[in-house]
């Protein structure tokens, strides 16, 4: 990825509402160059969507949950396919899910990140997850974040990642 493309993505992550002209000024290229780059980055899949990062607490959500699932290790390919289908149904039931992905670490195979108005809506998600047969899901644990807590080291945002990308590009340019 070219440095100018990385800087453009970083600027869009900081504020995707800016005009192409404003973005061009920020990264030091022409407006037509920005328009062309954005189209290419969208086409190539570097830009998936333009969205905002809301203040979940002000929207009425009190809890953010990271729910970790440990899947059965001896499941056959057919069973894994069935587990995946059931997982999609659980996700579709709860429109509060922000992200559901497979992964690895801490002995878990999947994580669901969700927001909830109250503890009972979180319990509903856990109940739905625990409907999986015991031989499919061996463990479910969660880490809950109180969104009303005023003391947050760094709230959920892409701004800091954008800063990192901007500085990474600067370091790479200084090596040249």
Protein backbone atom coordinates (compact mmCIF):
# COMPACT_ATOMS: atom_id res chain seq x y z
CA UNK A 1 0.00 0.00 0.00
CA UNK A 2 1.32 3.41 -0.92
CA UNK A 3 2.02 5.99 1.77
CA UNK A 4 -0.57 8.41 0.37
CA UNK A 5 -3.24 5.68 0.49
CA UNK A 6 -2.37 4.88 4.11
CA UNK A 7 -2.54 8.56 5.05
CA UNK A 8 -5.91 8.86 3.29
CA UNK A 9 -7.33 5.88 5.18
CA UNK A 10 -6.02 7.33 8.45
CA UNK A 11 -7.68 10.68 7.72
CA UNK A 12 -10.97 8.98 6.83
CA UNK A 13 -10.82 7.01 10.08
CA UNK A 14 -10.46 10.26 12.01
CA UNK A 15 -13.41 11.88 10.24
CA UNK A 16 -15.13 10.24 7.26
CA UNK A 17 -17.47 13.23 6.82
CA UNK A 18 -14.77 15.47 5.38
CA UNK A 19 -14.96 16.49 1.77
CA UNK A 20 -12.49 15.21 -0.79
CA UNK A 21 -11.10 18.75 -0.88
CA UNK A 22 -10.53 18.73 2.90
CA UNK A 23 -8.92 15.30 2.72
CA UNK A 24 -6.67 16.45 -0.14
CA UNK A 25 -5.48 19.40 1.93
CA UNK A 26 -4.79 17.16 4.94
CA UNK A 27 -2.63 14.68 2.99
CA UNK A 28 -1.09 17.11 0.52
CA UNK A 29 -2.51 15.94 -2.82
CA UNK A 30 -5.12 17.23 -5.25
CA UNK A 31 -8.87 16.71 -4.81
CA UNK A 32 -9.14 14.60 -8.01
CA UNK A 33 -6.33 12.37 -6.68
CA UNK A 34 -8.27 11.84 -3.44
CA UNK A 35 -11.48 11.02 -5.36
CA UNK A 36 -9.61 8.52 -7.52
CA UNK A 37 -7.85 6.94 -4.53
CA UNK A 38 -11.09 6.58 -2.57
CA UNK A 39 -12.78 4.79 -5.48
CA UNK A 40 -9.81 2.43 -5.83
CA UNK A 41 -9.58 1.75 -2.09
CA UNK A 42 -13.32 0.97 -1.99
CA UNK A 43 -13.07 -1.31 -5.04
CA UNK A 44 -10.02 -3.13 -3.61
CA UNK A 45 -11.77 -3.66 -0.25
CA UNK A 46 -9.54 -1.45 1.91
CA UNK A 47 -12.59 0.69 2.75
CA UNK A 48 -15.51 -1.48 3.82
CA UNK A 49 -17.98 1.14 4.96
CA UNK A 50 -18.37 4.67 6.20
CA UNK A 51 -19.91 4.80 9.62
CA UNK A 52 -19.81 6.70 12.88
CA UNK A 53 -18.73 5.61 16.32
CA UNK A 54 -21.67 6.47 18.59
CA UNK A 55 -21.62 7.12 22.29
CA UNK A 56 -23.37 3.86 23.26
CA UNK A 57 -24.22 5.12 26.74
CA UNK A 58 -26.12 8.13 25.36
CA UNK A 59 -28.05 5.73 23.10
CA UNK A 60 -29.32 3.87 26.16
CA UNK A 61 -26.84 0.99 26.31
CA UNK A 62 -25.42 0.33 29.77
CA UNK A 63 -23.29 -2.76 29.11
CA UNK A 64 -20.82 -3.83 26.47
CA UNK A 65 -20.11 -7.55 26.65
CA UNK A 66 -17.31 -9.65 25.25
CA UNK A 67 -18.65 -13.20 25.37
CA UNK A 68 -16.09 -15.92 24.76
CA UNK A 69 -17.02 -19.40 23.52
CA UNK A 70 -14.96 -22.56 23.67
CA UNK A 71 -16.04 -24.97 20.94
CA UNK A 72 -15.70 -28.74 21.07
CA UNK A 73 -12.31 -29.79 19.69
CA UNK A 74 -13.42 -33.19 18.42
CA UNK A 75 -16.32 -31.96 16.29
CA UNK A 76 -16.54 -33.36 12.79
CA UNK A 77 -16.71 -31.13 9.71
CA UNK A 78 -20.48 -31.65 9.57
CA UNK A 79 -20.87 -30.76 13.25
CA UNK A 80 -18.76 -27.62 12.80
CA UNK A 81 -20.99 -26.62 9.88
CA UNK A 82 -24.08 -27.15 12.06
CA UNK A 83 -22.47 -25.15 14.91
CA UNK A 84 -21.75 -22.31 12.48
CA UNK A 85 -25.35 -22.34 11.22
CA UNK A 86 -26.69 -22.26 14.80
CA UNK A 87 -24.26 -19.44 15.61
CA UNK A 88 -25.60 -17.37 12.74
CA UNK A 89 -29.12 -17.88 14.08
CA UNK A 90 -28.07 -16.67 17.55
CA UNK A 91 -26.42 -13.61 16.01
CA UNK A 92 -29.50 -12.83 13.93
CA UNK A 93 -31.71 -13.09 17.03
CA UNK A 94 -29.70 -10.44 18.84
CA UNK A 95 -29.39 -7.28 16.80
CA UNK A 96 -27.25 -5.85 19.60
CA UNK A 97 -24.19 -7.81 18.40
CA UNK A 98 -21.46 -5.57 17.09
CA UNK A 99 -19.11 -8.36 16.08
CA UNK A 100 -19.05 -12.16 16.12
CA UNK A 101 -15.83 -13.81 14.95
CA UNK A 102 -13.80 -16.98 15.25
CA UNK A 103 -10.34 -16.61 16.70
CA UNK A 104 -8.00 -18.12 19.24
CA UNK A 105 -6.58 -17.24 22.61
CA UNK A 106 -7.22 -17.75 26.31
CA UNK A 107 -8.58 -21.19 25.41
CA UNK A 108 -11.53 -19.81 23.42
CA UNK A 109 -12.48 -20.16 19.76
CA UNK A 110 -15.03 -17.39 19.24
CA UNK A 111 -15.96 -13.99 20.64
CA UNK A 112 -19.21 -12.06 20.49
CA UNK A 113 -19.01 -8.32 21.19
CA UNK A 114 -22.43 -6.86 22.01
CA UNK A 115 -24.12 -3.89 23.67
CA UNK A 116 -27.10 -4.13 26.02
CA UNK A 117 -29.64 -1.80 27.59
CA UNK A 118 -29.53 -3.76 30.82
CA UNK A 119 -28.29 -6.97 32.40
CA UNK A 120 -31.38 -8.95 31.42
CA UNK A 121 -30.78 -8.31 27.70
CA UNK A 122 -27.21 -9.55 28.19
CA UNK A 123 -28.56 -12.65 29.97
CA UNK A 124 -30.83 -13.26 26.95
CA UNK A 125 -27.77 -13.43 24.69
CA UNK A 126 -26.02 -15.87 27.03
CA UNK A 127 -29.18 -17.99 27.24
CA UNK A 128 -29.31 -18.18 23.43
CA UNK A 129 -25.63 -19.14 23.25
CA UNK A 130 -26.09 -21.82 25.90
CA UNK A 131 -28.88 -23.39 23.81
CA UNK A 132 -26.10 -24.95 21.75
CA UNK A 133 -25.70 -28.62 22.72
CA UNK A 134 -23.03 -29.10 25.45
CA UNK A 135 -20.94 -31.21 23.06
CA UNK A 136 -20.70 -28.20 20.69
CA UNK A 137 -19.97 -25.37 23.11
CA UNK A 138 -17.87 -26.47 26.07
CA UNK A 139 -17.55 -23.10 27.76
CA UNK A 140 -19.01 -19.59 27.81
CA UNK A 141 -17.43 -16.70 29.72
CA UNK A 142 -17.88 -12.96 29.49
CA UNK A 143 -16.15 -9.72 30.30
CA UNK A 144 -18.68 -6.93 30.94
CA UNK A 145 -17.96 -3.23 30.56
CA UNK A 146 -20.09 -0.66 32.36
CA UNK A 147 -20.69 1.97 29.67
CA UNK A 148 -21.94 4.43 32.28
CA UNK A 149 -18.62 4.36 34.13
CA UNK A 150 -17.05 7.81 33.68
CA UNK A 151 -13.52 6.45 34.17
CA UNK A 152 -12.49 4.89 30.86
CA UNK A 153 -8.84 4.77 29.88
CA UNK A 154 -9.62 4.86 26.17
CA UNK A 155 -13.17 4.41 24.88
CA UNK A 156 -13.94 2.52 21.68
CA UNK A 157 -12.79 4.65 18.76
CA UNK A 158 -10.72 4.36 15.59
CA UNK A 159 -9.04 7.72 16.11
CA UNK A 160 -5.99 6.27 17.89
CA UNK A 161 -5.53 3.57 15.28
CA UNK A 162 -5.63 6.31 12.65
CA UNK A 163 -2.95 8.20 14.60
CA UNK A 164 -0.80 5.06 14.63
CA UNK A 165 -1.24 4.56 10.88
CA UNK A 166 -0.33 8.20 10.26
CA UNK A 167 2.82 7.89 12.36
CA UNK A 168 3.76 4.53 10.82
CA UNK A 169 3.59 6.14 7.39
CA UNK A 170 5.74 9.03 8.63
CA UNK A 171 8.37 6.63 10.04
CA UNK A 172 8.41 4.67 6.79
CA UNK A 173 8.89 7.90 4.79
CA UNK A 174 11.75 8.98 7.04
CA UNK A 175 13.63 5.74 6.27
CA UNK A 176 13.71 6.61 2.58
